[in-house]
Amino acid sequence: MLEMITDMFTDSKIGSLDTFIFALFIGACLAGFATVYHRRTIGSLVHFLLDNEAFSPETAKTLREAEQDLNIFVRMSLKRNVAFRRIVSMVDVPEKDEKGRKISLSDIPLYIRESERRRAEEMYSKRTSEDANMWMVLLSIAVFAVVAYISLFVVPKLVTFASGAFSIFR
């Protein structure tokens, strides 16, 4: 059993372990920063709707009014993100205007239902969207970096030491 563990950390296999741990680390960093960016980007639309009290179809605001009409991440979230669509609702409008042109997503009024107001405030509060998430991402990256360091440098040395220590009893 000990020989199997020792063989895992020999030079021929350590390269692939290095690559795997490094890939996990890079993936965790990218995912963390993508989450923060998403929260801030999507959060800016939610903040706009909350600040302008857009809680019904009558008080709804458009992406153009929020100056988010060119933001591809907001547009994609409105089209595909079901969880986000539960919070931010679209007013039902006809697909075409009176001149027969297709109505742009930028011109569809958006609002937060009164029943979802508290959830929107909790999920996208300015403190949560800006400060707390960034600190959590940085803390997670630091912890993952420590785990990666231990996995790459400390564990192989401990395995080699244990292998040498137990070989005395053979």
C-alpha atoms as a PDB file:
ATOM      1  CA  MET A   1       0.000   0.000   0.000  1.00  0.00           C
ATOM      2  CA  LEU A   2       2.772   2.387   0.968  1.00  0.00           C
ATOM      3  CA  GLU A   3       4.606   1.595  -2.259  1.00  0.00           C
ATOM      4  CA  MET A   4       1.488   2.498  -4.259  1.00  0.00           C
ATOM      5  CA  ILE A   5       1.316   5.871  -2.546  1.00  0.00           C
ATOM      6  CA  THR A   6       5.036   6.424  -3.068  1.00  0.00           C
ATOM      7  CA  ASP A   7       4.692   5.514  -6.751  1.00  0.00           C
ATOM      8  CA  MET A   8       1.971   8.157  -7.134  1.00  0.00           C
ATOM      9  CA  PHE A   9       4.482  10.855  -6.304  1.00  0.00           C
ATOM     10  CA  THR A  10       7.461   9.678  -8.366  1.00  0.00           C
ATOM     11  CA  ASP A  11       8.846  11.980 -11.031  1.00  0.00           C
ATOM     12  CA  SER A  12       7.008  10.222 -13.860  1.00  0.00           C
ATOM     13  CA  LYS A  13       3.600  10.877 -12.291  1.00  0.00           C
ATOM     14  CA  ILE A  14       4.178  14.147 -10.430  1.00  0.00           C
ATOM     15  CA  GLY A  15       4.016  16.144 -13.670  1.00  0.00           C
ATOM     16  CA  SER A  16       0.437  15.145 -14.295  1.00  0.00           C
ATOM     17  CA  LEU A  17      -0.442  15.789 -10.646  1.00  0.00           C
ATOM     18  CA  ASP A  18       1.154  19.249 -10.896  1.00  0.00           C
ATOM     19  CA  THR A  19      -0.863  19.993 -14.015  1.00  0.00           C
ATOM     20  CA  PHE A  20      -4.090  18.739 -12.459  1.00  0.00           C
ATOM     21  CA  ILE A  21      -3.697  20.811  -9.275  1.00  0.00           C
ATOM     22  CA  PHE A  22      -2.648  23.881 -11.271  1.00  0.00           C
ATOM     23  CA  ALA A  23      -5.682  23.480 -13.559  1.00  0.00           C
ATOM     24  CA  LEU A  24      -7.985  23.212 -10.535  1.00  0.00           C
ATOM     25  CA  PHE A  25      -6.419  26.334  -9.042  1.00  0.00           C
ATOM     26  CA  ILE A  26      -6.814  28.343 -12.263  1.00  0.00           C
ATOM     27  CA  GLY A  27     -10.396  27.089 -12.662  1.00  0.00           C
ATOM     28  CA  ALA A  28     -11.277  28.110  -9.099  1.00  0.00           C
ATOM     29  CA  CYS A  29      -9.765  31.573  -9.635  1.00  0.00           C
ATOM     30  CA  LEU A  30     -11.646  32.113 -12.898  1.00  0.00           C
ATOM     31  CA  ALA A  31     -14.925  30.860 -11.429  1.00  0.00           C
ATOM     32  CA  GLY A  32     -14.554  33.125  -8.401  1.00  0.00           C
ATOM     33  CA  PHE A  33     -13.871  36.237 -10.423  1.00  0.00           C
ATOM     34  CA  ALA A  34     -16.636  35.367 -12.905  1.00  0.00           C
ATOM     35  CA  THR A  35     -19.061  35.096  -9.992  1.00  0.00           C
ATOM     36  CA  VAL A  36     -18.075  38.511  -8.656  1.00  0.00           C
ATOM     37  CA  TYR A  37     -18.309  40.079 -12.105  1.00  0.00           C
ATOM     38  CA  HIS A  38     -21.700  38.485 -12.694  1.00  0.00           C
ATOM     39  CA  ARG A  39     -23.009  39.679  -9.310  1.00  0.00           C
ATOM     40  CA  ARG A  40     -21.832  43.220  -9.943  1.00  0.00           C
ATOM     41  CA  THR A  41     -23.085  43.341 -13.529  1.00  0.00           C
ATOM     42  CA  ILE A  42     -26.468  41.775 -12.901  1.00  0.00           C
ATOM     43  CA  GLY A  43     -26.625  43.495  -9.528  1.00  0.00           C
ATOM     44  CA  SER A  44     -26.391  46.911 -11.174  1.00  0.00           C
ATOM     45  CA  LEU A  45     -29.658  46.269 -13.039  1.00  0.00           C
ATOM     46  CA  VAL A  46     -31.377  45.017  -9.872  1.00  0.00           C
ATOM     47  CA  HIS A  47     -30.101  48.067  -7.939  1.00  0.00           C
ATOM     48  CA  PHE A  48     -31.460  50.338 -10.660  1.00  0.00           C
ATOM     49  CA  LEU A  49     -34.888  48.712 -10.510  1.00  0.00           C
ATOM     50  CA  LEU A  50     -34.937  48.815  -6.701  1.00  0.00           C
ATOM     51  CA  ASP A  51     -33.753  52.430  -6.551  1.00  0.00           C
ATOM     52  CA  ASN A  52     -36.403  53.479  -9.079  1.00  0.00           C
ATOM     53  CA  GLU A  53     -39.111  51.484  -7.301  1.00  0.00           C
ATOM     54  CA  ALA A  54     -39.939  49.437 -10.387  1.00  0.00           C
ATOM     55  CA  PHE A  55     -42.231  46.987  -8.599  1.00  0.00           C
ATOM     56  CA  SER A  56     -45.102  46.706 -11.082  1.00  0.00           C
ATOM     57  CA  PRO A  57     -45.661  46.781 -14.831  1.00  0.00           C
ATOM     58  CA  GLU A  58     -46.801  50.413 -14.481  1.00  0.00           C
ATOM     59  CA  THR A  59     -43.500  51.532 -12.913  1.00  0.00           C
ATOM     60  CA  ALA A  60     -41.262  49.198 -14.946  1.00  0.00           C
ATOM     61  CA  LYS A  61     -38.024  50.484 -16.492  1.00  0.00           C
ATOM     62  CA  THR A  62     -36.214  49.373 -19.638  1.00  0.00           C
ATOM     63  CA  LEU A  63     -32.618  48.293 -20.141  1.00  0.00           C
ATOM     64  CA  ARG A  64     -32.143  51.478 -22.142  1.00  0.00           C
ATOM     65  CA  GLU A  65     -33.242  53.572 -19.141  1.00  0.00           C
ATOM     66  CA  ALA A  66     -30.890  51.597 -16.907  1.00  0.00           C
ATOM     67  CA  GLU A  67     -28.093  52.185 -19.454  1.00  0.00           C
ATOM     68  CA  GLN A  68     -27.628  48.416 -19.660  1.00  0.00           C
ATOM     69  CA  ASP A  69     -28.978  47.919 -23.175  1.00  0.00           C
ATOM     70  CA  LEU A  70     -25.550  47.066 -24.608  1.00  0.00           C
ATOM     71  CA  ASN A  71     -24.476  44.813 -21.743  1.00  0.00           C
ATOM     72  CA  ILE A  72     -24.404  41.322 -23.205  1.00  0.00           C
ATOM     73  CA  PHE A  73     -24.275  39.614 -19.784  1.00  0.00           C
ATOM     74  CA  VAL A  74     -27.454  41.319 -18.624  1.00  0.00           C
ATOM     75  CA  ARG A  75     -29.169  40.520 -21.916  1.00  0.00           C
ATOM     76  CA  MET A  76     -28.134  36.854 -21.716  1.00  0.00           C
ATOM     77  CA  SER A  77     -29.341  36.622 -18.125  1.00  0.00           C
ATOM     78  CA  LEU A  78     -32.728  38.000 -19.098  1.00  0.00           C
ATOM     79  CA  LYS A  79     -33.030  35.483 -21.914  1.00  0.00           C
ATOM     80  CA  ARG A  80     -31.623  32.335 -20.338  1.00  0.00           C
ATOM     81  CA  ASN A  81     -31.165  32.625 -16.565  1.00  0.00           C
ATOM     82  CA  VAL A  82     -34.344  31.207 -15.056  1.00  0.00           C
ATOM     83  CA  ALA A  83     -33.400  32.085 -11.466  1.00  0.00           C
ATOM     84  CA  PHE A  84     -32.761  35.689 -12.455  1.00  0.00           C
ATOM     85  CA  ARG A  85     -36.038  35.820 -14.393  1.00  0.00           C
ATOM     86  CA  ARG A  86     -37.878  34.879 -11.186  1.00  0.00           C
ATOM     87  CA  ILE A  87     -36.585  38.100  -9.641  1.00  0.00           C
ATOM     88  CA  VAL A  88     -36.671  40.426 -12.642  1.00  0.00           C
ATOM     89  CA  SER A  89     -39.892  40.179 -14.617  1.00  0.00           C
ATOM     90  CA  MET A  90     -40.659  41.445 -18.096  1.00  0.00           C
ATOM     91  CA  VAL A  91     -43.858  43.207 -18.998  1.00  0.00           C
ATOM     92  CA  ASP A  92     -45.797  41.240 -21.601  1.00  0.00           C
ATOM     93  CA  VAL A  93     -45.567  43.250 -24.792  1.00  0.00           C
ATOM     94  CA  PRO A  94     -46.412  42.301 -28.364  1.00  0.00           C
ATOM     95  CA  GLU A  95     -43.500  40.953 -30.406  1.00  0.00           C
ATOM     96  CA  LYS A  96     -43.843  43.773 -32.947  1.00  0.00           C
ATOM     97  CA  ASP A  97     -44.570  47.474 -32.614  1.00  0.00           C
ATOM     98  CA  GLU A  98     -47.255  49.336 -34.550  1.00  0.00           C
ATOM     99  CA  LYS A  99     -44.882  49.750 -37.535  1.00  0.00           C
ATOM    100  CA  GLY A 100     -44.256  45.988 -37.712  1.00  0.00           C
ATOM    101  CA  ARG A 101     -40.718  46.110 -36.321  1.00  0.00           C
ATOM    102  CA  LYS A 102     -39.625  43.553 -33.764  1.00  0.00           C
ATOM    103  CA  ILE A 103     -39.448  45.052 -30.277  1.00  0.00           C
ATOM    104  CA  SER A 104     -35.913  45.036 -28.926  1.00  0.00           C
ATOM    105  CA  LEU A 105     -35.058  43.547 -25.538  1.00  0.00           C
ATOM    106  CA  SER A 106     -33.710  47.006 -24.671  1.00  0.00           C
ATOM    107  CA  ASP A 107     -37.242  48.427 -24.904  1.00  0.00           C
ATOM    108  CA  ILE A 108     -39.125  45.779 -22.921  1.00  0.00           C
ATOM    109  CA  PRO A 109     -40.068  47.167 -19.501  1.00  0.00           C
ATOM    110  CA  LEU A 110     -38.607  45.278 -16.525  1.00  0.00           C
ATOM    111  CA  TYR A 111     -39.696  45.231 -12.914  1.00  0.00           C
ATOM    112  CA  ILE A 112     -39.295  43.324  -9.675  1.00  0.00           C
ATOM    113  CA  ARG A 113     -42.507  41.822  -8.349  1.00  0.00           C
ATOM    114  CA  GLU A 114     -43.345  43.010  -4.865  1.00  0.00           C
ATOM    115  CA  SER A 115     -43.266  39.372  -3.729  1.00  0.00           C
ATOM    116  CA  GLU A 116     -39.632  39.099  -4.938  1.00  0.00           C
ATOM    117  CA  ARG A 117     -38.492  42.472  -3.612  1.00  0.00           C
ATOM    118  CA  ARG A 118     -37.017  41.152  -0.368  1.00  0.00           C
ATOM    119  CA  ARG A 119     -35.227  38.323  -2.156  1.00  0.00           C
ATOM    120  CA  ALA A 120     -33.752  40.771  -4.684  1.00  0.00           C
ATOM    121  CA  GLU A 121     -32.568  43.064  -1.899  1.00  0.00           C
ATOM    122  CA  GLU A 122     -30.927  40.150  -0.077  1.00  0.00           C
ATOM    123  CA  MET A 123     -29.325  38.509  -3.109  1.00  0.00           C
ATOM    124  CA  TYR A 124     -28.105  41.667  -4.769  1.00  0.00           C
ATOM    125  CA  SER A 125     -27.525  44.032  -1.879  1.00  0.00           C
ATOM    126  CA  LYS A 126     -24.726  46.458  -2.664  1.00  0.00           C
ATOM    127  CA  ARG A 127     -22.651  45.186   0.258  1.00  0.00           C
ATOM    128  CA  THR A 128     -23.020  41.567  -0.840  1.00  0.00           C
ATOM    129  CA  SER A 129     -22.470  42.284  -4.515  1.00  0.00           C
ATOM    130  CA  GLU A 130     -19.350  44.384  -4.092  1.00  0.00           C
ATOM    131  CA  ASP A 131     -17.417  43.843  -0.875  1.00  0.00           C
ATOM    132  CA  ALA A 132     -18.345  40.475   0.572  1.00  0.00           C
ATOM    133  CA  ASN A 133     -18.040  38.500  -2.660  1.00  0.00           C
ATOM    134  CA  MET A 134     -14.616  39.883  -3.527  1.00  0.00           C
ATOM    135  CA  TRP A 135     -13.290  39.080  -0.063  1.00  0.00           C
ATOM    136  CA  MET A 136     -14.757  35.582  -0.216  1.00  0.00           C
ATOM    137  CA  VAL A 137     -13.150  34.975  -3.605  1.00  0.00           C
ATOM    138  CA  LEU A 138      -9.765  36.203  -2.405  1.00  0.00           C
ATOM    139  CA  LEU A 139     -10.030  34.110   0.760  1.00  0.00           C
ATOM    140  CA  SER A 140     -11.020  31.041  -1.268  1.00  0.00           C
ATOM    141  CA  ILE A 141      -8.091  31.560  -3.625  1.00  0.00           C
ATOM    142  CA  ALA A 142      -5.701  31.896  -0.691  1.00  0.00           C
ATOM    143  CA  VAL A 143      -7.017  28.710   0.936  1.00  0.00           C
ATOM    144  CA  PHE A 144      -6.868  26.826  -2.350  1.00  0.00           C
ATOM    145  CA  ALA A 145      -3.303  28.076  -2.920  1.00  0.00           C
ATOM    146  CA  VAL A 146      -2.281  26.703   0.499  1.00  0.00           C
ATOM    147  CA  VAL A 147      -3.920  23.349  -0.255  1.00  0.00           C
ATOM    148  CA  ALA A 148      -2.227  23.231  -3.670  1.00  0.00           C
ATOM    149  CA  TYR A 149       1.157  24.037  -2.116  1.00  0.00           C
ATOM    150  CA  ILE A 150       0.736  21.321   0.510  1.00  0.00           C
ATOM    151  CA  SER A 151      -0.394  18.836  -2.142  1.00  0.00           C
ATOM    152  CA  LEU A 152       2.507  19.592  -4.470  1.00  0.00           C
ATOM    153  CA  PHE A 153       5.394  20.057  -2.054  1.00  0.00           C
ATOM    154  CA  VAL A 154       4.649  18.808   1.454  1.00  0.00           C
ATOM    155  CA  VAL A 155       2.739  15.568   0.798  1.00  0.00           C
ATOM    156  CA  PRO A 156       5.397  14.069  -1.549  1.00  0.00           C
ATOM    157  CA  LYS A 157       8.111  14.768   1.026  1.00  0.00           C
ATOM    158  CA  LEU A 158       6.021  13.216   3.802  1.00  0.00           C
ATOM    159  CA  VAL A 159       5.371  10.131   1.659  1.00  0.00           C
ATOM    160  CA  THR A 160       9.080   9.803   0.869  1.00  0.00           C
ATOM    161  CA  PHE A 161       9.962  10.256   4.550  1.00  0.00           C
ATOM    162  CA  ALA A 162       7.376   7.680   5.645  1.00  0.00           C
ATOM    163  CA  SER A 163       8.539   5.260   2.977  1.00  0.00           C
ATOM    164  CA  GLY A 164      12.134   5.564   4.208  1.00  0.00           C
ATOM    165  CA  ALA A 165      11.126   5.285   7.849  1.00  0.00           C
ATOM    166  CA  PHE A 166       9.097   2.120   7.314  1.00  0.00           C
ATOM    167  CA  SER A 167      11.718   0.511   5.074  1.00  0.00           C
ATOM    168  CA  ILE A 168      13.942   0.143   8.190  1.00  0.00           C
ATOM    169  CA  PHE A 169      11.597  -2.533   9.501  1.00  0.00           C
ATOM    170  CA  ARG A 170      11.846  -4.778   6.414  1.00  0.00           C
END
